[in-house]
Amino acid sequence: MKWKRAIKEYQYCPRCGLKCLVSNDVCPDCGLSFSRLKIATNKEAKNKILRHDRDFIIRTSTLPSDVSFIRLLLYALFLGVFGTHCFYVGRYLRGAITLGDFIAICLLTIFNADLMAINDGALVGVLSTICGLIMLFSWIWDVFMIIFKKFKVPVAIDLDIEQINSSASDKSENKVETISSTNSDIQTEYNKNNQVELEDSKTKDEIDVESIKLLIQEGKSLIEQEKEDKKDVIENIEKTNIKVEDENKTKDNSGENK
């Protein structure tokens, strides 16, 4: 348990090898920022090595994002005698040594009979021993190191940090612009909906007002018609009363004459 806790609590700086706490963001000895390893790539390191520019290149056992562990392991198992796994990650010198050692072993095998005649085979023994040791440390050792994730891979830690920051800022600005545009679109749509609702409410109110006016006018016309009807009735009653009075007067006059 203590050993597991030590692994979790400490890490080694890939540049200077200093044992640091995992919580440290920067190596206290060489000043390496561990966060830069997350964006470091093996492709840029290989380009720098081919240009003979080894500044800001370090070797780390943490594989970068552009190196596949499965592919590296398969290269080492089946094509490791040719140094393919070393060429894959940009360790060209080690790959050339492995490939040269394999060619030397093949030549020793082909010309074994001729070389055995030199110093009673002592030269062949020495050369085969050297080639076997080289193959042991350049191929078999690498296979075990890859399996236990201790194989060192070169990465470039100066991967245009300013460009990455600018691209990140551009992406954040684009996100802000898209968010603001969507917010403005939502606001305009909301305003349109509110205007439509207001117009609908206004039209409804206008319709209600017009209907009320029509009702008032109909009521006024009905009241005026009732007034006219009452006037007609009163006039008819007055006319009948006048007729009755005239008849009574004529009857009275006729009675007096008799």
Foldseek 3Di string as FASTA:
>chain_A
DVVVVLVQQWDADQPPRDIGGPPDQADPPPGDGPVLQQVWALVVCLVCVVVVHNPQKTWDLDHYPVDDLVVLLVCLPPVVQQLVSCVVQNVVVLNVLSNVLSVQVVVCVVCVVVCCVPPNCPVSVVSVVVSVVSNCCSRVVQNVCSVVSNDIGMTHSPPVVVVVVVVVVVVVVVVVVVVVVVVVVVVVVVVVVVVVVVVVVVVVVVVVVVVVVVVVVVVVVVVVVVVVVVVVVVVVVVVVVVVVVVVVVVVVVVVVVD
